[in-house]
Amino acid sequence: MSYLYVEDNEDIREAFGALIEADHRHITAVADAEAALALFGTRHFDVLITDVSLPGLSGTDLAREWLKPDPLRWVLLLSGYAFGHGLQGIGANVRALVKTCDPGELEALLEKIEATLAPNA
C-alpha cells in the first residue's frame, strides 16, 4: 500500500511517519501541499494523509485536488482539533482524525482503508 503523507512540522512528520510505518506500507512524506502536488502525476499513491493546516495550500484544498481525477480515492485528514460535519462534502472516502488520537484508533482506520482497497490493489 502506498501512502503520501503531508505534514509541515518536521518532528510530527517523523514521529507520525514512524507510527504508521509497516512492512506492507510505503510512506512518502513531504512538508507541504505544493510538494505533494508535484508528486501526483509522477507516482501512484493509494491514500493521501495530510495535515489540515499547511503553509500555502491547505490540506483540505490539497484533498480536493487529489480527488479531482477520482472522487472515490481515500483521504485521511489530520488536525489538532476535532472535525465537525462536512467531510462527505469533500469526498465519500474522506476521514479525519485528531493528531493526538490513540495509535490503536489510527491503526484500525488504516487497516479498514487497506481492506477496502485490497481487492483493487
PDB file of N, CA and C in Angstrom:
ATOM      1  N   MET A   1       0.848  -1.165   0.000  1.00  0.00           N
ATOM      2  CA  MET A   1       0.000   0.000   0.000  1.00  0.00           C
ATOM      3  C   MET A   1       0.902   1.239   0.000  1.00  0.00           C
ATOM      4  N   SER A   2       0.604   2.188  -0.834  1.00  0.00           N
ATOM      5  CA  SER A   2       1.425   3.376  -0.987  1.00  0.00           C
ATOM      6  C   SER A   2       0.693   4.603  -0.439  1.00  0.00           C
ATOM      7  N   TYR A   3       1.364   5.299   0.472  1.00  0.00           N
ATOM      8  CA  TYR A   3       0.787   6.464   1.142  1.00  0.00           C
ATOM      9  C   TYR A   3       1.602   7.707   0.828  1.00  0.00           C
ATOM     10  N   LEU A   4       0.907   8.810   0.595  1.00  0.00           N
ATOM     11  CA  LEU A   4       1.533  10.122   0.517  1.00  0.00           C
ATOM     12  C   LEU A   4       1.127  10.864   1.782  1.00  0.00           C
ATOM     13  N   TYR A   5       2.109  11.248   2.581  1.00  0.00           N
ATOM     14  CA  TYR A   5       1.865  11.879   3.881  1.00  0.00           C
ATOM     15  C   TYR A   5       2.420  13.298   3.859  1.00  0.00           C
ATOM     16  N   VAL A   6       1.559  14.272   4.170  1.00  0.00           N
ATOM     17  CA  VAL A   6       1.928  15.684   4.110  1.00  0.00           C
ATOM     18  C   VAL A   6       1.794  16.305   5.495  1.00  0.00           C
ATOM     19  N   GLU A   7       2.915  16.820   5.999  1.00  0.00           N
ATOM     20  CA  GLU A   7       2.949  17.462   7.324  1.00  0.00           C
ATOM     21  C   GLU A   7       4.100  18.460   7.319  1.00  0.00           C
ATOM     22  N   ASP A   8       3.796  19.704   7.677  1.00  0.00           N
ATOM     23  CA  ASP A   8       4.827  20.737   7.635  1.00  0.00           C
ATOM     24  C   ASP A   8       5.761  20.725   8.850  1.00  0.00           C
ATOM     25  N   ASN A   9       5.328  20.196   9.964  1.00  0.00           N
ATOM     26  CA  ASN A   9       6.155  20.138  11.163  1.00  0.00           C
ATOM     27  C   ASN A   9       7.045  18.894  11.088  1.00  0.00           C
ATOM     28  N   GLU A  10       8.346  19.117  11.011  1.00  0.00           N
ATOM     29  CA  GLU A  10       9.272  18.007  10.808  1.00  0.00           C
ATOM     30  C   GLU A  10       9.215  16.971  11.927  1.00  0.00           C
ATOM     31  N   ASP A  11       9.126  17.426  13.189  1.00  0.00           N
ATOM     32  CA  ASP A  11       9.072  16.489  14.313  1.00  0.00           C
ATOM     33  C   ASP A  11       7.826  15.618  14.244  1.00  0.00           C
ATOM     34  N   ILE A  12       6.687  16.238  13.944  1.00  0.00           N
ATOM     35  CA  ILE A  12       5.436  15.480  13.832  1.00  0.00           C
ATOM     36  C   ILE A  12       5.507  14.548  12.626  1.00  0.00           C
ATOM     37  N   ARG A  13       6.068  15.038  11.523  1.00  0.00           N
ATOM     38  CA  ARG A  13       6.172  14.223  10.302  1.00  0.00           C
ATOM     39  C   ARG A  13       6.985  12.957  10.576  1.00  0.00           C
ATOM     40  N   GLU A  14       8.092  13.098  11.281  1.00  0.00           N
ATOM     41  CA  GLU A  14       8.921  11.934  11.587  1.00  0.00           C
ATOM     42  C   GLU A  14       8.235  10.986  12.568  1.00  0.00           C
ATOM     43  N   ALA A  15       7.645  11.543  13.633  1.00  0.00           N
ATOM     44  CA  ALA A  15       7.001  10.701  14.650  1.00  0.00           C
ATOM     45  C   ALA A  15       5.781   9.988  14.082  1.00  0.00           C
ATOM     46  N   PHE A  16       4.938  10.710  13.368  1.00  0.00           N
ATOM     47  CA  PHE A  16       3.729  10.114  12.818  1.00  0.00           C
ATOM     48  C   PHE A  16       4.083   9.124  11.713  1.00  0.00           C
ATOM     49  N   GLY A  17       5.099   9.466  10.914  1.00  0.00           N
ATOM     50  CA  GLY A  17       5.545   8.546   9.872  1.00  0.00           C
ATOM     51  C   GLY A  17       6.005   7.227  10.461  1.00  0.00           C
ATOM     52  N   ALA A  18       6.713   7.292  11.580  1.00  0.00           N
ATOM     53  CA  ALA A  18       7.157   6.064  12.255  1.00  0.00           C
ATOM     54  C   ALA A  18       5.967   5.296  12.809  1.00  0.00           C
ATOM     55  N   LEU A  19       4.953   6.013  13.258  1.00  0.00           N
ATOM     56  CA  LEU A  19       3.763   5.388  13.830  1.00  0.00           C
ATOM     57  C   LEU A  19       2.983   4.585  12.785  1.00  0.00           C
ATOM     58  N   ILE A  20       2.903   5.102  11.569  1.00  0.00           N
ATOM     59  CA  ILE A  20       2.117   4.413  10.538  1.00  0.00           C
ATOM     60  C   ILE A  20       2.951   3.424   9.729  1.00  0.00           C
ATOM     61  N   GLU A  21       4.239   3.414   9.977  1.00  0.00           N
ATOM     62  CA  GLU A  21       5.127   2.523   9.234  1.00  0.00           C
ATOM     63  C   GLU A  21       4.775   1.052   9.480  1.00  0.00           C
ATOM     64  N   ALA A  22       4.829   0.268   8.419  1.00  0.00           N
ATOM     65  CA  ALA A  22       4.605  -1.182   8.485  1.00  0.00           C
ATOM     66  C   ALA A  22       5.237  -1.797   7.240  1.00  0.00           C
ATOM     67  N   ASP A  23       5.501  -3.090   7.287  1.00  0.00           N
ATOM     68  CA  ASP A  23       6.148  -3.765   6.161  1.00  0.00           C
ATOM     69  C   ASP A  23       5.365  -3.630   4.860  1.00  0.00           C
ATOM     70  N   HIS A  24       4.057  -3.612   4.952  1.00  0.00           N
ATOM     71  CA  HIS A  24       3.228  -3.556   3.744  1.00  0.00           C
ATOM     72  C   HIS A  24       2.877  -2.129   3.321  1.00  0.00           C
ATOM     73  N   ARG A  25       3.425  -1.124   4.012  1.00  0.00           N
ATOM     74  CA  ARG A  25       3.144   0.275   3.691  1.00  0.00           C
ATOM     75  C   ARG A  25       4.396   0.987   3.210  1.00  0.00           C
ATOM     76  N   HIS A  26       4.255   1.641   2.077  1.00  0.00           N
ATOM     77  CA  HIS A  26       5.325   2.501   1.585  1.00  0.00           C
ATOM     78  C   HIS A  26       4.866   3.941   1.816  1.00  0.00           C
ATOM     79  N   ILE A  27       5.613   4.674   2.658  1.00  0.00           N
ATOM     80  CA  ILE A  27       5.233   6.035   3.037  1.00  0.00           C
ATOM     81  C   ILE A  27       6.175   7.017   2.353  1.00  0.00           C
ATOM     82  N   THR A  28       5.607   7.955   1.606  1.00  0.00           N
ATOM     83  CA  THR A  28       6.365   9.079   1.072  1.00  0.00           C
ATOM     84  C   THR A  28       5.902  10.307   1.831  1.00  0.00           C
ATOM     85  N   ALA A  29       6.819  10.961   2.535  1.00  0.00           N
ATOM     86  CA  ALA A  29       6.466  12.112   3.369  1.00  0.00           C
ATOM     87  C   ALA A  29       7.042  13.386   2.767  1.00  0.00           C
ATOM     88  N   VAL A  30       6.207  14.412   2.696  1.00  0.00           N
ATOM     89  CA  VAL A  30       6.634  15.722   2.200  1.00  0.00           C
ATOM     90  C   VAL A  30       6.139  16.804   3.160  1.00  0.00           C
ATOM     91  N   ALA A  31       6.736  17.996   3.044  1.00  0.00           N
ATOM     92  CA  ALA A  31       6.482  19.062   4.012  1.00  0.00           C
ATOM     93  C   ALA A  31       5.337  19.998   3.656  1.00  0.00           C
ATOM     94  N   ASP A  32       4.885  19.991   2.405  1.00  0.00           N
ATOM     95  CA  ASP A  32       3.812  20.921   2.060  1.00  0.00           C
ATOM     96  C   ASP A  32       2.988  20.406   0.880  1.00  0.00           C
ATOM     97  N   ALA A  33       1.875  21.072   0.674  1.00  0.00           N
ATOM     98  CA  ALA A  33       0.939  20.655  -0.369  1.00  0.00           C
ATOM     99  C   ALA A  33       1.540  20.801  -1.758  1.00  0.00           C
ATOM    100  N   GLU A  34       2.355  21.810  -1.943  1.00  0.00           N
ATOM    101  CA  GLU A  34       2.953  22.024  -3.251  1.00  0.00           C
ATOM    102  C   GLU A  34       3.877  20.862  -3.624  1.00  0.00           C
ATOM    103  N   ALA A  35       4.647  20.362  -2.669  1.00  0.00           N
ATOM    104  CA  ALA A  35       5.496  19.198  -2.924  1.00  0.00           C
ATOM    105  C   ALA A  35       4.639  17.968  -3.229  1.00  0.00           C
ATOM    106  N   ALA A  36       3.529  17.844  -2.531  1.00  0.00           N
ATOM    107  CA  ALA A  36       2.616  16.728  -2.790  1.00  0.00           C
ATOM    108  C   ALA A  36       2.032  16.825  -4.196  1.00  0.00           C
ATOM    109  N   LEU A  37       1.597  18.010  -4.575  1.00  0.00           N
ATOM    110  CA  LEU A  37       1.034  18.197  -5.911  1.00  0.00           C
ATOM    111  C   LEU A  37       2.044  17.824  -6.996  1.00  0.00           C
ATOM    112  N   ALA A  38       3.301  18.131  -6.771  1.00  0.00           N
ATOM    113  CA  ALA A  38       4.341  17.797  -7.745  1.00  0.00           C
ATOM    114  C   ALA A  38       4.481  16.293  -7.927  1.00  0.00           C
ATOM    115  N   LEU A  39       4.119  15.517  -6.910  1.00  0.00           N
ATOM    116  CA  LEU A  39       4.223  14.056  -6.994  1.00  0.00           C
ATOM    117  C   LEU A  39       2.976  13.401  -7.593  1.00  0.00           C
ATOM    118  N   PHE A  40       1.854  14.103  -7.587  1.00  0.00           N
ATOM    119  CA  PHE A  40       0.589  13.496  -8.033  1.00  0.00           C
ATOM    120  C   PHE A  40       0.691  12.840  -9.399  1.00  0.00           C
ATOM    121  N   GLY A  41       1.294  13.481 -10.348  1.00  0.00           N
ATOM    122  CA  GLY A  41       1.341  12.929 -11.695  1.00  0.00           C
ATOM    123  C   GLY A  41       2.510  12.003 -11.956  1.00  0.00           C
ATOM    124  N   THR A  42       3.430  11.899 -11.006  1.00  0.00           N
ATOM    125  CA  THR A  42       4.646  11.131 -11.255  1.00  0.00           C
ATOM    126  C   THR A  42       4.653   9.762 -10.602  1.00  0.00           C
ATOM    127  N   ARG A  43       3.851   9.577  -9.551  1.00  0.00           N
ATOM    128  CA  ARG A  43       3.829   8.313  -8.813  1.00  0.00           C
ATOM    129  C   ARG A  43       2.404   7.969  -8.419  1.00  0.00           C
ATOM    130  N   HIS A  44       2.178   6.682  -8.218  1.00  0.00           N
ATOM    131  CA  HIS A  44       0.870   6.216  -7.764  1.00  0.00           C
ATOM    132  C   HIS A  44       0.859   6.161  -6.235  1.00  0.00           C
ATOM    133  N   PHE A  45      -0.200   6.695  -5.650  1.00  0.00           N
ATOM    134  CA  PHE A  45      -0.434   6.594  -4.215  1.00  0.00           C
ATOM    135  C   PHE A  45      -1.838   6.067  -4.002  1.00  0.00           C
ATOM    136  N   ASP A  46      -1.982   5.160  -3.036  1.00  0.00           N
ATOM    137  CA  ASP A  46      -3.300   4.622  -2.711  1.00  0.00           C
ATOM    138  C   ASP A  46      -4.082   5.536  -1.781  1.00  0.00           C
ATOM    139  N   VAL A  47      -3.364   6.202  -0.875  1.00  0.00           N
ATOM    140  CA  VAL A  47      -4.011   7.005   0.167  1.00  0.00           C
ATOM    141  C   VAL A  47      -3.222   8.290   0.373  1.00  0.00           C
ATOM    142  N   LEU A  48      -3.950   9.381   0.539  1.00  0.00           N
ATOM    143  CA  LEU A  48      -3.361  10.664   0.922  1.00  0.00           C
ATOM    144  C   LEU A  48      -3.665  10.898   2.394  1.00  0.00           C
ATOM    145  N   ILE A  49      -2.611  11.124   3.179  1.00  0.00           N
ATOM    146  CA  ILE A  49      -2.761  11.527   4.573  1.00  0.00           C
ATOM    147  C   ILE A  49      -2.182  12.925   4.673  1.00  0.00           C
ATOM    148  N   THR A  50      -2.974  13.884   5.140  1.00  0.00           N
ATOM    149  CA  THR A  50      -2.488  15.246   5.179  1.00  0.00           C
ATOM    150  C   THR A  50      -2.947  16.012   6.403  1.00  0.00           C
ATOM    151  N   ASP A  51      -2.035  16.838   6.892  1.00  0.00           N
ATOM    152  CA  ASP A  51      -2.380  17.809   7.910  1.00  0.00           C
ATOM    153  C   ASP A  51      -3.345  18.799   7.272  1.00  0.00           C
ATOM    154  N   VAL A  52      -4.259  19.316   8.048  1.00  0.00           N
ATOM    155  CA  VAL A  52      -5.215  20.287   7.525  1.00  0.00           C
ATOM    156  C   VAL A  52      -4.564  21.656   7.387  1.00  0.00           C
ATOM    157  N   SER A  53      -3.827  22.070   8.411  1.00  0.00           N
ATOM    158  CA  SER A  53      -3.213  23.401   8.433  1.00  0.00           C
ATOM    159  C   SER A  53      -1.791  23.321   7.884  1.00  0.00           C
ATOM    160  N   LEU A  54      -1.653  23.686   6.630  1.00  0.00           N
ATOM    161  CA  LEU A  54      -0.349  23.696   5.968  1.00  0.00           C
ATOM    162  C   LEU A  54      -0.054  25.112   5.487  1.00  0.00           C
ATOM    163  N   PRO A  55       1.222  25.469   5.373  1.00  0.00           N
ATOM    164  CA  PRO A  55       1.534  26.768   4.763  1.00  0.00           C
ATOM    165  C   PRO A  55       1.163  26.713   3.281  1.00  0.00           C
ATOM    166  N   GLY A  56       0.697  27.808   2.746  1.00  0.00           N
ATOM    167  CA  GLY A  56       0.269  27.805   1.346  1.00  0.00           C
ATOM    168  C   GLY A  56      -1.076  27.108   1.201  1.00  0.00           C
ATOM    169  N   LEU A  57      -1.151  26.163   0.304  1.00  0.00           N
ATOM    170  CA  LEU A  57      -2.376  25.401   0.059  1.00  0.00           C
ATOM    171  C   LEU A  57      -2.721  24.551   1.282  1.00  0.00           C
ATOM    172  N   SER A  58      -3.945  24.621   1.733  1.00  0.00           N
ATOM    173  CA  SER A  58      -4.363  23.860   2.919  1.00  0.00           C
ATOM    174  C   SER A  58      -4.509  22.379   2.603  1.00  0.00           C
ATOM    175  N   GLY A  59      -4.546  21.577   3.650  1.00  0.00           N
ATOM    176  CA  GLY A  59      -4.740  20.142   3.476  1.00  0.00           C
ATOM    177  C   GLY A  59      -6.082  19.791   2.867  1.00  0.00           C
ATOM    178  N   THR A  60      -7.117  20.542   3.214  1.00  0.00           N
ATOM    179  CA  THR A  60      -8.432  20.265   2.619  1.00  0.00           C
ATOM    180  C   THR A  60      -8.449  20.630   1.142  1.00  0.00           C
ATOM    181  N   ASP A  61      -7.774  21.725   0.766  1.00  0.00           N
ATOM    182  CA  ASP A  61      -7.685  22.066  -0.656  1.00  0.00           C
ATOM    183  C   ASP A  61      -6.840  21.041  -1.407  1.00  0.00           C
ATOM    184  N   LEU A  62      -5.781  20.561  -0.763  1.00  0.00           N
ATOM    185  CA  LEU A  62      -4.969  19.502  -1.358  1.00  0.00           C
ATOM    186  C   LEU A  62      -5.817  18.253  -1.582  1.00  0.00           C
ATOM    187  N   ALA A  63      -6.632  17.904  -0.596  1.00  0.00           N
ATOM    188  CA  ALA A  63      -7.515  16.743  -0.727  1.00  0.00           C
ATOM    189  C   ALA A  63      -8.457  16.905  -1.914  1.00  0.00           C
ATOM    190  N   ARG A  64      -8.997  18.097  -2.088  1.00  0.00           N
ATOM    191  CA  ARG A  64      -9.888  18.339  -3.227  1.00  0.00           C
ATOM    192  C   ARG A  64      -9.158  18.139  -4.557  1.00  0.00           C
ATOM    193  N   GLU A  65      -7.914  18.593  -4.638  1.00  0.00           N
ATOM    194  CA  GLU A  65      -7.114  18.393  -5.850  1.00  0.00           C
ATOM    195  C   GLU A  65      -6.856  16.905  -6.085  1.00  0.00           C
ATOM    196  N   TRP A  66      -6.520  16.196  -5.026  1.00  0.00           N
ATOM    197  CA  TRP A  66      -6.256  14.747  -5.076  1.00  0.00           C
ATOM    198  C   TRP A  66      -7.474  13.994  -5.591  1.00  0.00           C
ATOM    199  N   LEU A  67      -8.663  14.467  -5.203  1.00  0.00           N
ATOM    200  CA  LEU A  67      -9.901  13.770  -5.539  1.00  0.00           C
ATOM    201  C   LEU A  67     -10.446  14.121  -6.927  1.00  0.00           C
ATOM    202  N   LYS A  68      -9.933  15.146  -7.568  1.00  0.00           N
ATOM    203  CA  LYS A  68     -10.461  15.552  -8.881  1.00  0.00           C
ATOM    204  C   LYS A  68     -10.459  14.411  -9.901  1.00  0.00           C
ATOM    205  N   PRO A  69      -9.365  13.670 -10.072  1.00  0.00           N
ATOM    206  CA  PRO A  69      -9.386  12.594 -11.073  1.00  0.00           C
ATOM    207  C   PRO A  69     -10.229  11.390 -10.657  1.00  0.00           C
ATOM    208  N   ASP A  70     -10.392  11.194  -9.356  1.00  0.00           N
ATOM    209  CA  ASP A  70     -11.142  10.045  -8.854  1.00  0.00           C
ATOM    210  C   ASP A  70     -11.741  10.394  -7.492  1.00  0.00           C
ATOM    211  N   PRO A  71     -13.010  10.782  -7.468  1.00  0.00           N
ATOM    212  CA  PRO A  71     -13.647  11.200  -6.222  1.00  0.00           C
ATOM    213  C   PRO A  71     -13.761  10.105  -5.161  1.00  0.00           C
ATOM    214  N   LEU A  72     -13.459   8.861  -5.515  1.00  0.00           N
ATOM    215  CA  LEU A  72     -13.554   7.769  -4.552  1.00  0.00           C
ATOM    216  C   LEU A  72     -12.200   7.409  -3.924  1.00  0.00           C
ATOM    217  N   ARG A  73     -11.176   8.186  -4.224  1.00  0.00           N
ATOM    218  CA  ARG A  73      -9.875   7.969  -3.581  1.00  0.00           C
ATOM    219  C   ARG A  73     -10.005   8.175  -2.069  1.00  0.00           C
ATOM    220  N   TRP A  74      -9.050   7.608  -1.340  1.00  0.00           N
ATOM    221  CA  TRP A  74      -9.045   7.719   0.117  1.00  0.00           C
ATOM    222  C   TRP A  74      -8.169   8.863   0.583  1.00  0.00           C
ATOM    223  N   VAL A  75      -8.709   9.616   1.568  1.00  0.00           N
ATOM    224  CA  VAL A  75      -8.004  10.730   2.192  1.00  0.00           C
ATOM    225  C   VAL A  75      -8.188  10.631   3.697  1.00  0.00           C
ATOM    226  N   LEU A  76      -7.101  10.813   4.421  1.00  0.00           N
ATOM    227  CA  LEU A  76      -7.159  10.920   5.876  1.00  0.00           C
ATOM    228  C   LEU A  76      -6.644  12.299   6.239  1.00  0.00           C
ATOM    229  N   LEU A  77      -7.539  13.133   6.779  1.00  0.00           N
ATOM    230  CA  LEU A  77      -7.180  14.478   7.214  1.00  0.00           C
ATOM    231  C   LEU A  77      -6.802  14.436   8.688  1.00  0.00           C
ATOM    232  N   LEU A  78      -5.695  15.065   9.027  1.00  0.00           N
ATOM    233  CA  LEU A  78      -5.228  15.124  10.406  1.00  0.00           C
ATOM    234  C   LEU A  78      -5.257  16.574  10.869  1.00  0.00           C
ATOM    235  N   SER A  79      -5.674  16.751  12.100  1.00  0.00           N
ATOM    236  CA  SER A  79      -5.780  18.105  12.624  1.00  0.00           C
ATOM    237  C   SER A  79      -5.509  18.117  14.110  1.00  0.00           C
ATOM    238  N   GLY A  80      -5.204  19.287  14.618  1.00  0.00           N
ATOM    239  CA  GLY A  80      -5.023  19.460  16.050  1.00  0.00           C
ATOM    240  C   GLY A  80      -6.337  19.592  16.779  1.00  0.00           C
ATOM    241  N   TYR A  81      -7.426  19.679  16.040  1.00  0.00           N
ATOM    242  CA  TYR A  81      -8.752  19.825  16.639  1.00  0.00           C
ATOM    243  C   TYR A  81      -9.735  18.871  15.957  1.00  0.00           C
ATOM    244  N   ALA A  82     -10.814  18.590  16.661  1.00  0.00           N
ATOM    245  CA  ALA A  82     -11.817  17.655  16.125  1.00  0.00           C
ATOM    246  C   ALA A  82     -12.580  18.291  14.967  1.00  0.00           C
ATOM    247  N   PHE A  83     -12.875  17.486  13.985  1.00  0.00           N
ATOM    248  CA  PHE A  83     -13.678  17.931  12.854  1.00  0.00           C
ATOM    249  C   PHE A  83     -15.147  17.861  13.200  1.00  0.00           C
ATOM    250  N   GLY A  84     -15.888  18.805  12.670  1.00  0.00           N
ATOM    251  CA  GLY A  84     -17.332  18.729  12.780  1.00  0.00           C
ATOM    252  C   GLY A  84     -17.855  17.942  11.593  1.00  0.00           C
ATOM    253  N   HIS A  85     -18.974  18.348  11.102  1.00  0.00           N
ATOM    254  CA  HIS A  85     -19.565  17.691   9.937  1.00  0.00           C
ATOM    255  C   HIS A  85     -18.964  18.281   8.667  1.00  0.00           C
ATOM    256  N   GLY A  86     -19.251  17.684   7.548  1.00  0.00           N
ATOM    257  CA  GLY A  86     -18.853  18.239   6.273  1.00  0.00           C
ATOM    258  C   GLY A  86     -17.798  17.467   5.517  1.00  0.00           C
ATOM    259  N   LEU A  87     -17.279  16.387   6.087  1.00  0.00           N
ATOM    260  CA  LEU A  87     -16.267  15.613   5.377  1.00  0.00           C
ATOM    261  C   LEU A  87     -16.829  14.998   4.102  1.00  0.00           C
ATOM    262  N   GLN A  88     -18.082  14.568   4.140  1.00  0.00           N
ATOM    263  CA  GLN A  88     -18.697  13.972   2.950  1.00  0.00           C
ATOM    264  C   GLN A  88     -18.765  14.971   1.811  1.00  0.00           C
ATOM    265  N   GLY A  89     -18.784  16.261   2.152  1.00  0.00           N
ATOM    266  CA  GLY A  89     -18.780  17.286   1.118  1.00  0.00           C
ATOM    267  C   GLY A  89     -17.462  17.342   0.361  1.00  0.00           C
ATOM    268  N   ILE A  90     -16.400  16.854   0.966  1.00  0.00           N
ATOM    269  CA  ILE A  90     -15.097  16.806   0.305  1.00  0.00           C
ATOM    270  C   ILE A  90     -15.008  15.550  -0.556  1.00  0.00           C
ATOM    271  N   GLY A  91     -15.429  14.422   0.003  1.00  0.00           N
ATOM    272  CA  GLY A  91     -15.384  13.174  -0.748  1.00  0.00           C
ATOM    273  C   GLY A  91     -15.940  12.032   0.072  1.00  0.00           C
ATOM    274  N   ALA A  92     -16.407  11.004  -0.605  1.00  0.00           N
ATOM    275  CA  ALA A  92     -17.056   9.868   0.061  1.00  0.00           C
ATOM    276  C   ALA A  92     -16.092   9.081   0.942  1.00  0.00           C
ATOM    277  N   ASN A  93     -14.823   9.058   0.587  1.00  0.00           N
ATOM    278  CA  ASN A  93     -13.834   8.276   1.334  1.00  0.00           C
ATOM    279  C   ASN A  93     -12.850   9.167   2.086  1.00  0.00           C
ATOM    280  N   VAL A  94     -13.352  10.273   2.583  1.00  0.00           N
ATOM    281  CA  VAL A  94     -12.535  11.184   3.374  1.00  0.00           C
ATOM    282  C   VAL A  94     -12.847  10.941   4.840  1.00  0.00           C
ATOM    283  N   ARG A  95     -11.785  10.723   5.608  1.00  0.00           N
ATOM    284  CA  ARG A  95     -11.920  10.519   7.051  1.00  0.00           C
ATOM    285  C   ARG A  95     -11.019  11.521   7.753  1.00  0.00           C
ATOM    286  N   ALA A  96     -11.270  11.729   9.037  1.00  0.00           N
ATOM    287  CA  ALA A  96     -10.467  12.685   9.805  1.00  0.00           C
ATOM    288  C   ALA A  96     -10.155  12.125  11.179  1.00  0.00           C
ATOM    289  N   LEU A  97      -8.968  12.447  11.641  1.00  0.00           N
ATOM    290  CA  LEU A  97      -8.545  12.088  12.991  1.00  0.00           C
ATOM    291  C   LEU A  97      -7.828  13.281  13.613  1.00  0.00           C
ATOM    292  N   VAL A  98      -7.921  13.366  14.913  1.00  0.00           N
ATOM    293  CA  VAL A  98      -7.143  14.347  15.647  1.00  0.00           C
ATOM    294  C   VAL A  98      -5.729  13.787  15.762  1.00  0.00           C
ATOM    295  N   LYS A  99      -4.730  14.641  15.619  1.00  0.00           N
ATOM    296  CA  LYS A  99      -3.336  14.179  15.645  1.00  0.00           C
ATOM    297  C   LYS A  99      -2.989  13.454  16.943  1.00  0.00           C
ATOM    298  N   THR A 100      -3.681  13.785  17.998  1.00  0.00           N
ATOM    299  CA  THR A 100      -3.396  13.152  19.285  1.00  0.00           C
ATOM    300  C   THR A 100      -4.249  11.908  19.521  1.00  0.00           C
ATOM    301  N   CYS A 101      -4.781  11.329  18.455  1.00  0.00           N
ATOM    302  CA  CYS A 101      -5.634  10.144  18.580  1.00  0.00           C
ATOM    303  C   CYS A 101      -4.841   8.974  19.154  1.00  0.00           C
ATOM    304  N   ASP A 102      -5.556   8.011  19.648  1.00  0.00           N
ATOM    305  CA  ASP A 102      -4.950   6.784  20.144  1.00  0.00           C
ATOM    306  C   ASP A 102      -4.329   6.047  18.955  1.00  0.00           C
ATOM    307  N   PRO A 103      -3.086   5.565  19.088  1.00  0.00           N
ATOM    308  CA  PRO A 103      -2.454   4.834  17.984  1.00  0.00           C
ATOM    309  C   PRO A 103      -3.282   3.637  17.503  1.00  0.00           C
ATOM    310  N   GLY A 104      -4.007   2.998  18.407  1.00  0.00           N
ATOM    311  CA  GLY A 104      -4.864   1.883  18.009  1.00  0.00           C
ATOM    312  C   GLY A 104      -6.000   2.329  17.112  1.00  0.00           C
ATOM    313  N   GLU A 105      -6.538   3.508  17.369  1.00  0.00           N
ATOM    314  CA  GLU A 105      -7.611   4.063  16.533  1.00  0.00           C
ATOM    315  C   GLU A 105      -7.081   4.355  15.132  1.00  0.00           C
ATOM    316  N   LEU A 106      -5.894   4.922  15.065  1.00  0.00           N
ATOM    317  CA  LEU A 106      -5.263   5.199  13.777  1.00  0.00           C
ATOM    318  C   LEU A 106      -5.020   3.905  13.009  1.00  0.00           C
ATOM    319  N   GLU A 107      -4.439   2.921  13.663  1.00  0.00           N
ATOM    320  CA  GLU A 107      -4.142   1.649  13.001  1.00  0.00           C
ATOM    321  C   GLU A 107      -5.418   0.971  12.517  1.00  0.00           C
ATOM    322  N   ALA A 108      -6.465   1.018  13.315  1.00  0.00           N
ATOM    323  CA  ALA A 108      -7.739   0.408  12.918  1.00  0.00           C
ATOM    324  C   ALA A 108      -8.292   1.087  11.670  1.00  0.00           C
ATOM    325  N   LEU A 109      -8.184   2.406  11.598  1.00  0.00           N
ATOM    326  CA  LEU A 109      -8.673   3.120  10.421  1.00  0.00           C
ATOM    327  C   LEU A 109      -7.838   2.775   9.194  1.00  0.00           C
ATOM    328  N   LEU A 110      -6.524   2.726   9.339  1.00  0.00           N
ATOM    329  CA  LEU A 110      -5.669   2.370   8.208  1.00  0.00           C
ATOM    330  C   LEU A 110      -5.955   0.950   7.730  1.00  0.00           C
ATOM    331  N   GLU A 111      -6.158   0.033   8.658  1.00  0.00           N
ATOM    332  CA  GLU A 111      -6.487  -1.341   8.272  1.00  0.00           C
ATOM    333  C   GLU A 111      -7.824  -1.410   7.539  1.00  0.00           C
ATOM    334  N   LYS A 112      -8.779  -0.614   7.970  1.00  0.00           N
ATOM    335  CA  LYS A 112     -10.095  -0.577   7.297  1.00  0.00           C
ATOM    336  C   LYS A 112      -9.935  -0.055   5.869  1.00  0.00           C
ATOM    337  N   ILE A 113      -9.173   1.015   5.713  1.00  0.00           N
ATOM    338  CA  ILE A 113      -8.933   1.563   4.376  1.00  0.00           C
ATOM    339  C   ILE A 113      -8.228   0.534   3.510  1.00  0.00           C
ATOM    340  N   GLU A 114      -7.212  -0.101   4.039  1.00  0.00           N
ATOM    341  CA  GLU A 114      -6.453  -1.106   3.281  1.00  0.00           C
ATOM    342  C   GLU A 114      -7.315  -2.298   2.905  1.00  0.00           C
ATOM    343  N   ALA A 115      -8.204  -2.708   3.768  1.00  0.00           N
ATOM    344  CA  ALA A 115      -9.105  -3.813   3.450  1.00  0.00           C
ATOM    345  C   ALA A 115     -10.041  -3.436   2.309  1.00  0.00           C
ATOM    346  N   THR A 116     -10.449  -2.191   2.284  1.00  0.00           N
ATOM    347  CA  THR A 116     -11.315  -1.708   1.206  1.00  0.00           C
ATOM    348  C   THR A 116     -10.575  -1.673  -0.123  1.00  0.00           C
ATOM    349  N   LEU A 117      -9.305  -1.280  -0.060  1.00  0.00           N
ATOM    350  CA  LEU A 117      -8.505  -1.161  -1.281  1.00  0.00           C
ATOM    351  C   LEU A 117      -7.915  -2.484  -1.760  1.00  0.00           C
ATOM    352  N   ALA A 118      -7.742  -3.448  -0.872  1.00  0.00           N
ATOM    353  CA  ALA A 118      -7.063  -4.692  -1.197  1.00  0.00           C
ATOM    354  C   ALA A 118      -7.605  -5.392  -2.438  1.00  0.00           C
ATOM    355  N   PRO A 119      -8.916  -5.497  -2.627  1.00  0.00           N
ATOM    356  CA  PRO A 119      -9.396  -6.179  -3.854  1.00  0.00           C
ATOM    357  C   PRO A 119      -8.994  -5.454  -5.132  1.00  0.00           C
ATOM    358  N   ASN A 120      -8.708  -4.144  -5.010  1.00  0.00           N
ATOM    359  CA  ASN A 120      -8.354  -3.350  -6.199  1.00  0.00           C
ATOM    360  C   ASN A 120      -6.847  -3.236  -6.383  1.00  0.00           C
ATOM    361  N   ALA A 121      -6.083  -3.664  -5.410  1.00  0.00           N
ATOM    362  CA  ALA A 121      -4.627  -3.487  -5.474  1.00  0.00           C
ATOM    363  C   ALA A 121      -3.974  -4.478  -6.406  1.00  0.00           C
TER     364      ALA A 121
END
